[in-house]
C-alpha atoms as a PDB file:
ATOM      1  CA  UNK A   1       0.000   0.000   0.000  1.00  0.00           C
ATOM      2  CA  UNK A   2       1.358   3.431  -0.860  1.00  0.00           C
ATOM      3  CA  UNK A   3       0.424   6.714   0.732  1.00  0.00           C
ATOM      4  CA  UNK A   4       0.373  10.115  -0.885  1.00  0.00           C
ATOM      5  CA  UNK A   5      -0.100  11.365  -4.402  1.00  0.00           C
ATOM      6  CA  UNK A   6       2.560  10.556  -6.995  1.00  0.00           C
ATOM      7  CA  UNK A   7       3.391  12.836  -9.897  1.00  0.00           C
ATOM      8  CA  UNK A   8       5.783  12.063 -12.742  1.00  0.00           C
ATOM      9  CA  UNK A   9       8.235  14.923 -13.486  1.00  0.00           C
ATOM     10  CA  UNK A  10       9.661  15.915 -16.867  1.00  0.00           C
ATOM     11  CA  UNK A  11      11.348  18.980 -18.354  1.00  0.00           C
ATOM     12  CA  UNK A  12       9.871  20.883 -21.305  1.00  0.00           C
ATOM     13  CA  UNK A  13      12.200  18.982 -23.686  1.00  0.00           C
ATOM     14  CA  UNK A  14      10.507  15.731 -22.493  1.00  0.00           C
ATOM     15  CA  UNK A  15      13.583  14.497 -20.577  1.00  0.00           C
ATOM     16  CA  UNK A  16      13.036  13.121 -17.095  1.00  0.00           C
ATOM     17  CA  UNK A  17      13.620  15.547 -14.257  1.00  0.00           C
ATOM     18  CA  UNK A  18      15.888  14.593 -11.356  1.00  0.00           C
ATOM     19  CA  UNK A  19      14.118  13.329  -9.330  1.00  0.00           C
ATOM     20  CA  UNK A  20      11.671  11.809 -11.789  1.00  0.00           C
ATOM     21  CA  UNK A  21       8.839  11.496  -9.284  1.00  0.00           C
ATOM     22  CA  UNK A  22       7.258  13.754  -6.674  1.00  0.00           C
ATOM     23  CA  UNK A  23       5.247  12.271  -3.778  1.00  0.00           C
ATOM     24  CA  UNK A  24       3.081  14.588  -1.709  1.00  0.00           C
ATOM     25  CA  UNK A  25       0.105  14.634   0.652  1.00  0.00           C
ATOM     26  CA  UNK A  26      -1.411  17.442  -1.453  1.00  0.00           C
ATOM     27  CA  UNK A  27      -3.625  16.203  -4.320  1.00  0.00           C
ATOM     28  CA  UNK A  28      -4.264  19.497  -6.132  1.00  0.00           C
ATOM     29  CA  UNK A  29      -1.546  21.510  -7.896  1.00  0.00           C
ATOM     30  CA  UNK A  30      -1.650  24.348 -10.423  1.00  0.00           C
ATOM     31  CA  UNK A  31       0.613  25.704 -13.136  1.00  0.00           C
ATOM     32  CA  UNK A  32       2.987  28.175 -11.462  1.00  0.00           C
ATOM     33  CA  UNK A  33       3.112  26.322  -8.133  1.00  0.00           C
ATOM     34  CA  UNK A  34       6.580  25.614  -6.738  1.00  0.00           C
ATOM     35  CA  UNK A  35       7.702  22.650  -4.667  1.00  0.00           C
ATOM     36  CA  UNK A  36      10.810  20.942  -3.281  1.00  0.00           C
ATOM     37  CA  UNK A  37      11.606  17.382  -4.357  1.00  0.00           C
ATOM     38  CA  UNK A  38      14.254  14.721  -3.874  1.00  0.00           C
ATOM     39  CA  UNK A  39      16.859  14.205  -1.194  1.00  0.00           C
ATOM     40  CA  UNK A  40      18.668  17.365  -2.372  1.00  0.00           C
ATOM     41  CA  UNK A  41      15.408  19.332  -2.030  1.00  0.00           C
ATOM     42  CA  UNK A  42      15.588  20.766  -5.524  1.00  0.00           C
ATOM     43  CA  UNK A  43      13.057  23.507  -6.181  1.00  0.00           C
ATOM     44  CA  UNK A  44      10.792  23.222  -9.235  1.00  0.00           C
ATOM     45  CA  UNK A  45       8.007  25.287 -10.793  1.00  0.00           C
ATOM     46  CA  UNK A  46       5.142  23.568 -12.606  1.00  0.00           C
ATOM     47  CA  UNK A  47       4.793  24.846 -16.186  1.00  0.00           C
ATOM     48  CA  UNK A  48       2.208  22.305 -17.424  1.00  0.00           C
ATOM     49  CA  UNK A  49       0.020  19.545 -15.999  1.00  0.00           C
ATOM     50  CA  UNK A  50      -1.034  16.579 -18.135  1.00  0.00           C
ATOM     51  CA  UNK A  51      -2.599  13.157 -17.783  1.00  0.00           C
ATOM     52  CA  UNK A  52      -0.388  10.618 -15.991  1.00  0.00           C
ATOM     53  CA  UNK A  53       1.696   8.158 -18.042  1.00  0.00           C
ATOM     54  CA  UNK A  54       0.228   5.240 -16.062  1.00  0.00           C
ATOM     55  CA  UNK A  55      -2.263   4.418 -13.325  1.00  0.00           C
ATOM     56  CA  UNK A  56       0.602   4.526 -10.811  1.00  0.00           C
ATOM     57  CA  UNK A  57       0.653   8.342 -10.988  1.00  0.00           C
ATOM     58  CA  UNK A  58      -1.941  11.078 -10.413  1.00  0.00           C
ATOM     59  CA  UNK A  59      -0.468  13.392 -13.042  1.00  0.00           C
ATOM     60  CA  UNK A  60       2.445  14.443 -15.206  1.00  0.00           C
ATOM     61  CA  UNK A  61       4.112  17.726 -14.292  1.00  0.00           C
ATOM     62  CA  UNK A  62       6.306  19.532 -16.791  1.00  0.00           C
ATOM     63  CA  UNK A  63       8.687  21.464 -14.560  1.00  0.00           C
ATOM     64  CA  UNK A  64      11.506  23.966 -14.661  1.00  0.00           C
ATOM     65  CA  UNK A  65      14.184  24.333 -11.986  1.00  0.00           C
ATOM     66  CA  UNK A  66      13.943  27.412  -9.773  1.00  0.00           C
ATOM     67  CA  UNK A  67      17.194  29.100  -8.814  1.00  0.00           C
ATOM     68  CA  UNK A  68      17.453  30.543  -5.357  1.00  0.00           C
END
């Protein structure tokens, strides 16, 4: 059993982001939202939201890195 909502992450050139998956307790996200992901806590901004690539995910986020 898994807990949380899983989103697949890609860049706008369709390459996988690092990390390639984001797990969160929050089910609803919008274009422009920012979040931290991975053990390095990289910051990303959502630039598009699409249907998930499989039933294992709730959505597909196209993301861009956010510089501090």
